[in-house]
């Protein structure tokens, strides 16, 4: 079974990297598990949104990294909007 053209183990690794990058850019302080979750969920959410708009970054781990990073940044932004400017 694939996630955007990447296997599940690769999705966890690339999702963790995407979440970590988002953590660095958004200046939030989260742990490894939350980075992985944000990267994977961010990629899934952003892929769904882009699919509705007819846009695709393609398949493979680079596309997954890009969508995971952007999606994780969006999730952190949305979480902060509802919670306030405190730490995530």
PDB file of N, CA and C in Angstrom:
ATOM      1  N   UNK A   1       0.847  -1.186   0.000  1.00  0.00           N
ATOM      2  CA  UNK A   1       0.000   0.000   0.000  1.00  0.00           C
ATOM      3  C   UNK A   1       0.889   1.245   0.000  1.00  0.00           C
ATOM      4  N   UNK A   2       0.538   2.225  -0.783  1.00  0.00           N
ATOM      5  CA  UNK A   2       1.317   3.458  -0.921  1.00  0.00           C
ATOM      6  C   UNK A   2       0.599   4.647  -0.304  1.00  0.00           C
ATOM      7  N   UNK A   3       1.404   5.643   0.005  1.00  0.00           N
ATOM      8  CA  UNK A   3       0.912   6.964   0.368  1.00  0.00           C
ATOM      9  C   UNK A   3       1.577   7.914  -0.610  1.00  0.00           C
ATOM     10  N   UNK A   4       0.826   8.394  -1.600  1.00  0.00           N
ATOM     11  CA  UNK A   4       1.344   9.321  -2.604  1.00  0.00           C
ATOM     12  C   UNK A   4       2.582   8.767  -3.317  1.00  0.00           C
ATOM     13  N   UNK A   5       2.564   7.495  -3.636  1.00  0.00           N
ATOM     14  CA  UNK A   5       3.676   6.902  -4.363  1.00  0.00           C
ATOM     15  C   UNK A   5       4.851   6.506  -3.503  1.00  0.00           C
ATOM     16  N   UNK A   6       4.712   6.594  -2.170  1.00  0.00           N
ATOM     17  CA  UNK A   6       5.784   6.209  -1.248  1.00  0.00           C
ATOM     18  C   UNK A   6       5.228   5.130  -0.322  1.00  0.00           C
ATOM     19  N   UNK A   7       6.062   4.179   0.065  1.00  0.00           N
ATOM     20  CA  UNK A   7       5.631   3.154   0.999  1.00  0.00           C
ATOM     21  C   UNK A   7       5.382   3.743   2.386  1.00  0.00           C
ATOM     22  N   UNK A   8       4.767   2.945   3.251  1.00  0.00           N
ATOM     23  CA  UNK A   8       4.413   3.435   4.595  1.00  0.00           C
ATOM     24  C   UNK A   8       5.637   3.789   5.423  1.00  0.00           C
ATOM     25  N   UNK A   9       6.680   2.984   5.360  1.00  0.00           N
ATOM     26  CA  UNK A   9       7.890   3.279   6.145  1.00  0.00           C
ATOM     27  C   UNK A   9       8.545   4.556   5.625  1.00  0.00           C
ATOM     28  N   UNK A  10       8.615   4.698   4.318  1.00  0.00           N
ATOM     29  CA  UNK A  10       9.165   5.930   3.731  1.00  0.00           C
ATOM     30  C   UNK A  10       8.276   7.118   4.080  1.00  0.00           C
ATOM     31  N   UNK A  11       6.948   6.911   4.134  1.00  0.00           N
ATOM     32  CA  UNK A  11       6.028   7.997   4.489  1.00  0.00           C
ATOM     33  C   UNK A  11       6.291   8.477   5.910  1.00  0.00           C
ATOM     34  N   UNK A  12       6.593   7.557   6.816  1.00  0.00           N
ATOM     35  CA  UNK A  12       6.899   7.935   8.195  1.00  0.00           C
ATOM     36  C   UNK A  12       8.203   8.721   8.254  1.00  0.00           C
ATOM     37  N   UNK A  13       9.213   8.249   7.541  1.00  0.00           N
ATOM     38  CA  UNK A  13      10.516   8.927   7.550  1.00  0.00           C
ATOM     39  C   UNK A  13      10.419  10.302   6.886  1.00  0.00           C
ATOM     40  N   UNK A  14       9.838  10.353   5.697  1.00  0.00           N
ATOM     41  CA  UNK A  14       9.722  11.630   4.980  1.00  0.00           C
ATOM     42  C   UNK A  14       8.746  12.550   5.702  1.00  0.00           C
ATOM     43  N   UNK A  15       7.664  11.995   6.274  1.00  0.00           N
ATOM     44  CA  UNK A  15       6.726  12.796   7.056  1.00  0.00           C
ATOM     45  C   UNK A  15       7.396  13.414   8.271  1.00  0.00           C
ATOM     46  N   UNK A  16       8.260  12.635   8.934  1.00  0.00           N
ATOM     47  CA  UNK A  16       9.009  13.177  10.073  1.00  0.00           C
ATOM     48  C   UNK A  16       9.931  14.305   9.655  1.00  0.00           C
ATOM     49  N   UNK A  17      10.593  14.140   8.521  1.00  0.00           N
ATOM     50  CA  UNK A  17      11.473  15.189   8.003  1.00  0.00           C
ATOM     51  C   UNK A  17      10.664  16.435   7.634  1.00  0.00           C
ATOM     52  N   UNK A  18       9.530  16.244   6.973  1.00  0.00           N
ATOM     53  CA  UNK A  18       8.672  17.379   6.603  1.00  0.00           C
ATOM     54  C   UNK A  18       8.160  18.092   7.848  1.00  0.00           C
ATOM     55  N   UNK A  19       7.739  17.332   8.857  1.00  0.00           N
ATOM     56  CA  UNK A  19       7.278  17.924  10.110  1.00  0.00           C
ATOM     57  C   UNK A  19       8.382  18.673  10.833  1.00  0.00           C
ATOM     58  N   UNK A  20       9.604  18.109  10.821  1.00  0.00           N
ATOM     59  CA  UNK A  20      10.740  18.777  11.455  1.00  0.00           C
ATOM     60  C   UNK A  20      11.067  20.085  10.747  1.00  0.00           C
ATOM     61  N   UNK A  21      11.063  20.064   9.406  1.00  0.00           N
ATOM     62  CA  UNK A  21      11.320  21.292   8.647  1.00  0.00           C
ATOM     63  C   UNK A  21      10.261  22.350   8.948  1.00  0.00           C
ATOM     64  N   UNK A  22       9.007  21.922   9.017  1.00  0.00           N
ATOM     65  CA  UNK A  22       7.922  22.855   9.337  1.00  0.00           C
ATOM     66  C   UNK A  22       8.106  23.415  10.746  1.00  0.00           C
ATOM     67  N   UNK A  23       8.528  22.564  11.667  1.00  0.00           N
ATOM     68  CA  UNK A  23       8.792  22.997  13.043  1.00  0.00           C
ATOM     69  C   UNK A  23       9.871  24.075  13.074  1.00  0.00           C
ATOM     70  N   UNK A  24      10.921  23.906  12.279  1.00  0.00           N
ATOM     71  CA  UNK A  24      12.017  24.878  12.240  1.00  0.00           C
ATOM     72  C   UNK A  24      11.560  26.200  11.624  1.00  0.00           C
ATOM     73  N   UNK A  25      10.820  26.123  10.519  1.00  0.00           N
ATOM     74  CA  UNK A  25      10.373  27.332   9.817  1.00  0.00           C
ATOM     75  C   UNK A  25       9.332  28.092  10.639  1.00  0.00           C
ATOM     76  N   UNK A  26       8.397  27.346  11.253  1.00  0.00           N
ATOM     77  CA  UNK A  26       7.310  27.979  12.007  1.00  0.00           C
ATOM     78  C   UNK A  26       7.720  28.298  13.451  1.00  0.00           C
ATOM     79  N   UNK A  27       8.941  27.930  13.825  1.00  0.00           N
ATOM     80  CA  UNK A  27       9.484  28.182  15.154  1.00  0.00           C
ATOM     81  C   UNK A  27       8.567  27.658  16.259  1.00  0.00           C
ATOM     82  N   UNK A  28       8.169  26.410  16.124  1.00  0.00           N
ATOM     83  CA  UNK A  28       7.373  25.756  17.156  1.00  0.00           C
ATOM     84  C   UNK A  28       8.253  24.697  17.813  1.00  0.00           C
ATOM     85  N   UNK A  29       7.853  24.254  18.963  1.00  0.00           N
ATOM     86  CA  UNK A  29       8.663  23.298  19.722  1.00  0.00           C
ATOM     87  C   UNK A  29       7.843  22.029  19.929  1.00  0.00           C
ATOM     88  N   UNK A  30       8.108  21.005  19.112  1.00  0.00           N
ATOM     89  CA  UNK A  30       7.367  19.752  19.186  1.00  0.00           C
ATOM     90  C   UNK A  30       8.360  18.601  19.229  1.00  0.00           C
ATOM     91  N   UNK A  31       7.852  17.447  19.553  1.00  0.00           N
ATOM     92  CA  UNK A  31       8.700  16.267  19.593  1.00  0.00           C
ATOM     93  C   UNK A  31       8.683  15.509  18.278  1.00  0.00           C
ATOM     94  N   UNK A  32       9.439  14.432  18.238  1.00  0.00           N
ATOM     95  CA  UNK A  32       9.566  13.616  17.031  1.00  0.00           C
ATOM     96  C   UNK A  32       8.231  13.038  16.587  1.00  0.00           C
ATOM     97  N   UNK A  33       7.455  12.511  17.523  1.00  0.00           N
ATOM     98  CA  UNK A  33       6.167  11.909  17.161  1.00  0.00           C
ATOM     99  C   UNK A  33       5.229  12.935  16.537  1.00  0.00           C
ATOM    100  N   UNK A  34       5.166  14.131  17.127  1.00  0.00           N
ATOM    101  CA  UNK A  34       4.302  15.176  16.580  1.00  0.00           C
ATOM    102  C   UNK A  34       4.795  15.630  15.209  1.00  0.00           C
ATOM    103  N   UNK A  35       6.112  15.670  14.991  1.00  0.00           N
ATOM    104  CA  UNK A  35       6.657  16.018  13.674  1.00  0.00           C
ATOM    105  C   UNK A  35       6.201  15.012  12.628  1.00  0.00           C
ATOM    106  N   UNK A  36       6.284  13.732  12.957  1.00  0.00           N
ATOM    107  CA  UNK A  36       5.862  12.680  12.026  1.00  0.00           C
ATOM    108  C   UNK A  36       4.377  12.811  11.726  1.00  0.00           C
ATOM    109  N   UNK A  37       3.576  12.999  12.764  1.00  0.00           N
ATOM    110  CA  UNK A  37       2.119  13.127  12.577  1.00  0.00           C
ATOM    111  C   UNK A  37       1.792  14.338  11.720  1.00  0.00           C
ATOM    112  N   UNK A  38       2.390  15.491  12.041  1.00  0.00           N
ATOM    113  CA  UNK A  38       2.123  16.706  11.261  1.00  0.00           C
ATOM    114  C   UNK A  38       2.560  16.564   9.814  1.00  0.00           C
ATOM    115  N   UNK A  39       3.707  15.931   9.583  1.00  0.00           N
ATOM    116  CA  UNK A  39       4.188  15.744   8.209  1.00  0.00           C
ATOM    117  C   UNK A  39       3.271  14.852   7.398  1.00  0.00           C
ATOM    118  N   UNK A  40       2.846  13.721   7.983  1.00  0.00           N
ATOM    119  CA  UNK A  40       1.982  12.783   7.262  1.00  0.00           C
ATOM    120  C   UNK A  40       0.582  13.361   7.087  1.00  0.00           C
ATOM    121  N   UNK A  41      -0.007  13.867   8.172  1.00  0.00           N
ATOM    122  CA  UNK A  41      -1.357  14.434   8.083  1.00  0.00           C
ATOM    123  C   UNK A  41      -1.359  15.666   7.193  1.00  0.00           C
ATOM    124  N   UNK A  42      -0.308  16.484   7.299  1.00  0.00           N
ATOM    125  CA  UNK A  42      -0.204  17.666   6.443  1.00  0.00           C
ATOM    126  C   UNK A  42      -0.173  17.295   4.974  1.00  0.00           C
ATOM    127  N   UNK A  43       0.578  16.246   4.637  1.00  0.00           N
ATOM    128  CA  UNK A  43       0.647  15.792   3.242  1.00  0.00           C
ATOM    129  C   UNK A  43      -0.702  15.274   2.774  1.00  0.00           C
ATOM    130  N   UNK A  44      -1.385  14.514   3.616  1.00  0.00           N
ATOM    131  CA  UNK A  44      -2.692  13.964   3.240  1.00  0.00           C
ATOM    132  C   UNK A  44      -3.715  15.080   3.050  1.00  0.00           C
ATOM    133  N   UNK A  45      -3.757  16.020   4.002  1.00  0.00           N
ATOM    134  CA  UNK A  45      -4.717  17.128   3.922  1.00  0.00           C
ATOM    135  C   UNK A  45      -4.442  17.999   2.698  1.00  0.00           C
ATOM    136  N   UNK A  46      -3.178  18.369   2.499  1.00  0.00           N
ATOM    137  CA  UNK A  46      -2.851  19.233   1.362  1.00  0.00           C
ATOM    138  C   UNK A  46      -3.094  18.512   0.038  1.00  0.00           C
ATOM    139  N   UNK A  47      -2.781  17.214  -0.036  1.00  0.00           N
ATOM    140  CA  UNK A  47      -3.070  16.452  -1.256  1.00  0.00           C
ATOM    141  C   UNK A  47      -4.559  16.450  -1.566  1.00  0.00           C
ATOM    142  N   UNK A  48      -5.388  16.318  -0.529  1.00  0.00           N
ATOM    143  CA  UNK A  48      -6.843  16.331  -0.734  1.00  0.00           C
ATOM    144  C   UNK A  48      -7.305  17.695  -1.242  1.00  0.00           C
ATOM    145  N   UNK A  49      -6.783  18.751  -0.640  1.00  0.00           N
ATOM    146  CA  UNK A  49      -7.152  20.110  -1.075  1.00  0.00           C
ATOM    147  C   UNK A  49      -6.701  20.354  -2.511  1.00  0.00           C
ATOM    148  N   UNK A  50      -5.461  19.979  -2.814  1.00  0.00           N
ATOM    149  CA  UNK A  50      -4.942  20.181  -4.167  1.00  0.00           C
ATOM    150  C   UNK A  50      -5.697  19.332  -5.189  1.00  0.00           C
ATOM    151  N   UNK A  51      -6.112  18.126  -4.805  1.00  0.00           N
ATOM    152  CA  UNK A  51      -6.882  17.272  -5.714  1.00  0.00           C
ATOM    153  C   UNK A  51      -8.222  17.921  -6.055  1.00  0.00           C
ATOM    154  N   UNK A  52      -8.849  18.554  -5.077  1.00  0.00           N
ATOM    155  CA  UNK A  52     -10.107  19.257  -5.337  1.00  0.00           C
ATOM    156  C   UNK A  52      -9.911  20.413  -6.315  1.00  0.00           C
ATOM    157  N   UNK A  53      -8.734  21.019  -6.272  1.00  0.00           N
ATOM    158  CA  UNK A  53      -8.423  22.135  -7.161  1.00  0.00           C
ATOM    159  C   UNK A  53      -7.804  21.678  -8.484  1.00  0.00           C
ATOM    160  N   UNK A  54      -7.559  20.366  -8.618  1.00  0.00           N
ATOM    161  CA  UNK A  54      -6.977  19.829  -9.841  1.00  0.00           C
ATOM    162  C   UNK A  54      -5.483  20.068  -9.968  1.00  0.00           C
ATOM    163  N   UNK A  55      -4.802  20.243  -8.829  1.00  0.00           N
ATOM    164  CA  UNK A  55      -3.365  20.509  -8.816  1.00  0.00           C
ATOM    165  C   UNK A  55      -2.652  19.309  -8.194  1.00  0.00           C
ATOM    166  N   UNK A  56      -1.459  18.986  -8.710  1.00  0.00           N
ATOM    167  CA  UNK A  56      -0.687  17.887  -8.150  1.00  0.00           C
ATOM    168  C   UNK A  56       0.795  18.215  -8.219  1.00  0.00           C
ATOM    169  N   UNK A  57       1.519  17.875  -7.156  1.00  0.00           N
ATOM    170  CA  UNK A  57       2.975  18.003  -7.160  1.00  0.00           C
ATOM    171  C   UNK A  57       3.621  16.753  -7.724  1.00  0.00           C
ATOM    172  N   UNK A  58       2.822  15.753  -8.056  1.00  0.00           N
ATOM    173  CA  UNK A  58       3.343  14.502  -8.590  1.00  0.00           C
ATOM    174  C   UNK A  58       3.395  13.438  -7.519  1.00  0.00           C
ATOM    175  N   UNK A  59       4.118  12.362  -7.811  1.00  0.00           N
ATOM    176  CA  UNK A  59       4.255  11.256  -6.870  1.00  0.00           C
ATOM    177  C   UNK A  59       5.724  11.089  -6.518  1.00  0.00           C
ATOM    178  N   UNK A  60       5.985  10.345  -5.493  1.00  0.00           N
ATOM    179  CA  UNK A  60       7.357  10.104  -5.071  1.00  0.00           C
ATOM    180  C   UNK A  60       7.681  10.834  -3.790  1.00  0.00           C
ATOM    181  N   UNK A  61       8.876  10.565  -3.267  1.00  0.00           N
ATOM    182  CA  UNK A  61       9.203  11.090  -1.955  1.00  0.00           C
ATOM    183  C   UNK A  61       9.460  12.588  -1.947  1.00  0.00           C
ATOM    184  N   UNK A  62       9.940  13.170  -3.042  1.00  0.00           N
ATOM    185  CA  UNK A  62      10.158  14.623  -3.074  1.00  0.00           C
ATOM    186  C   UNK A  62       8.822  15.360  -3.061  1.00  0.00           C
ATOM    187  N   UNK A  63       7.864  14.875  -3.855  1.00  0.00           N
ATOM    188  CA  UNK A  63       6.526  15.473  -3.853  1.00  0.00           C
ATOM    189  C   UNK A  63       5.879  15.316  -2.477  1.00  0.00           C
ATOM    190  N   UNK A  64       6.083  14.154  -1.842  1.00  0.00           N
ATOM    191  CA  UNK A  64       5.531  13.914  -0.508  1.00  0.00           C
ATOM    192  C   UNK A  64       6.174  14.849   0.512  1.00  0.00           C
ATOM    193  N   UNK A  65       7.484  15.076   0.387  1.00  0.00           N
ATOM    194  CA  UNK A  65       8.184  15.988   1.285  1.00  0.00           C
ATOM    195  C   UNK A  65       7.662  17.414   1.135  1.00  0.00           C
ATOM    196  N   UNK A  66       7.470  17.854  -0.099  1.00  0.00           N
ATOM    197  CA  UNK A  66       6.976  19.210  -0.350  1.00  0.00           C
ATOM    198  C   UNK A  66       5.563  19.383   0.200  1.00  0.00           C
ATOM    199  N   UNK A  67       4.669  18.446  -0.133  1.00  0.00           N
ATOM    200  CA  UNK A  67       3.288  18.566   0.356  1.00  0.00           C
ATOM    201  C   UNK A  67       3.224  18.394   1.864  1.00  0.00           C
ATOM    202  N   UNK A  68       4.043  17.507   2.421  1.00  0.00           N
ATOM    203  CA  UNK A  68       4.070  17.327   3.870  1.00  0.00           C
ATOM    204  C   UNK A  68       4.546  18.572   4.584  1.00  0.00           C
ATOM    205  N   UNK A  69       5.589  19.201   4.049  1.00  0.00           N
ATOM    206  CA  UNK A  69       6.121  20.429   4.643  1.00  0.00           C
ATOM    207  C   UNK A  69       5.093  21.554   4.605  1.00  0.00           C
ATOM    208  N   UNK A  70       4.527  21.799   3.427  1.00  0.00           N
ATOM    209  CA  UNK A  70       3.539  22.880   3.293  1.00  0.00           C
ATOM    210  C   UNK A  70       2.300  22.571   4.140  1.00  0.00           C
ATOM    211  N   UNK A  71       1.845  21.331   4.086  1.00  0.00           N
ATOM    212  CA  UNK A  71       0.674  20.935   4.875  1.00  0.00           C
ATOM    213  C   UNK A  71       0.920  21.056   6.365  1.00  0.00           C
ATOM    214  N   UNK A  72       2.096  20.652   6.835  1.00  0.00           N
ATOM    215  CA  UNK A  72       2.416  20.769   8.259  1.00  0.00           C
ATOM    216  C   UNK A  72       2.480  22.228   8.686  1.00  0.00           C
ATOM    217  N   UNK A  73       3.054  23.089   7.840  1.00  0.00           N
ATOM    218  CA  UNK A  73       3.084  24.527   8.139  1.00  0.00           C
ATOM    219  C   UNK A  73       1.663  25.076   8.252  1.00  0.00           C
ATOM    220  N   UNK A  74       0.792  24.654   7.342  1.00  0.00           N
ATOM    221  CA  UNK A  74      -0.603  25.095   7.401  1.00  0.00           C
ATOM    222  C   UNK A  74      -1.292  24.610   8.672  1.00  0.00           C
ATOM    223  N   UNK A  75      -1.045  23.365   9.058  1.00  0.00           N
ATOM    224  CA  UNK A  75      -1.655  22.838  10.277  1.00  0.00           C
ATOM    225  C   UNK A  75      -1.165  23.585  11.510  1.00  0.00           C
ATOM    226  N   UNK A  76       0.127  23.895  11.572  1.00  0.00           N
ATOM    227  CA  UNK A  76       0.657  24.672  12.697  1.00  0.00           C
ATOM    228  C   UNK A  76       0.027  26.059  12.717  1.00  0.00           C
ATOM    229  N   UNK A  77      -0.099  26.682  11.553  1.00  0.00           N
ATOM    230  CA  UNK A  77      -0.711  28.010  11.452  1.00  0.00           C
ATOM    231  C   UNK A  77      -2.160  27.984  11.939  1.00  0.00           C
ATOM    232  N   UNK A  78      -2.916  26.993  11.479  1.00  0.00           N
ATOM    233  CA  UNK A  78      -4.328  26.874  11.873  1.00  0.00           C
ATOM    234  C   UNK A  78      -4.444  26.605  13.368  1.00  0.00           C
ATOM    235  N   UNK A  79      -3.595  25.718  13.896  1.00  0.00           N
ATOM    236  CA  UNK A  79      -3.618  25.420  15.326  1.00  0.00           C
ATOM    237  C   UNK A  79      -3.334  26.668  16.141  1.00  0.00           C
ATOM    238  N   UNK A  80      -2.349  27.449  15.720  1.00  0.00           N
ATOM    239  CA  UNK A  80      -2.027  28.691  16.433  1.00  0.00           C
ATOM    240  C   UNK A  80      -3.164  29.688  16.355  1.00  0.00           C
ATOM    241  N   UNK A  81      -3.854  29.737  15.217  1.00  0.00           N
ATOM    242  CA  UNK A  81      -4.965  30.682  15.070  1.00  0.00           C
ATOM    243  C   UNK A  81      -6.078  30.383  16.069  1.00  0.00           C
ATOM    244  N   UNK A  82      -6.309  29.104  16.347  1.00  0.00           N
ATOM    245  CA  UNK A  82      -7.360  28.726  17.291  1.00  0.00           C
ATOM    246  C   UNK A  82      -6.879  28.766  18.748  1.00  0.00           C
ATOM    247  N   UNK A  83      -5.597  28.557  18.955  1.00  0.00           N
ATOM    248  CA  UNK A  83      -5.061  28.465  20.308  1.00  0.00           C
ATOM    249  C   UNK A  83      -4.440  29.769  20.774  1.00  0.00           C
ATOM    250  N   UNK A  84      -4.003  30.601  19.872  1.00  0.00           N
ATOM    251  CA  UNK A  84      -3.284  31.823  20.240  1.00  0.00           C
ATOM    252  C   UNK A  84      -1.838  31.701  19.814  1.00  0.00           C
ATOM    253  N   UNK A  85      -1.038  32.678  20.101  1.00  0.00           N
ATOM    254  CA  UNK A  85       0.360  32.708  19.642  1.00  0.00           C
ATOM    255  C   UNK A  85       1.313  31.955  20.562  1.00  0.00           C
ATOM    256  N   UNK A  86       0.813  31.203  21.511  1.00  0.00           N
ATOM    257  CA  UNK A  86       1.682  30.434  22.405  1.00  0.00           C
ATOM    258  C   UNK A  86       2.388  29.322  21.674  1.00  0.00           C
ATOM    259  N   UNK A  87       3.142  28.540  22.414  1.00  0.00           N
ATOM    260  CA  UNK A  87       3.864  27.415  21.815  1.00  0.00           C
ATOM    261  C   UNK A  87       2.904  26.345  21.365  1.00  0.00           C
ATOM    262  N   UNK A  88       3.269  25.671  20.295  1.00  0.00           N
ATOM    263  CA  UNK A  88       2.441  24.580  19.777  1.00  0.00           C
ATOM    264  C   UNK A  88       2.897  23.298  20.427  1.00  0.00           C
TER     265      UNK A  88
END
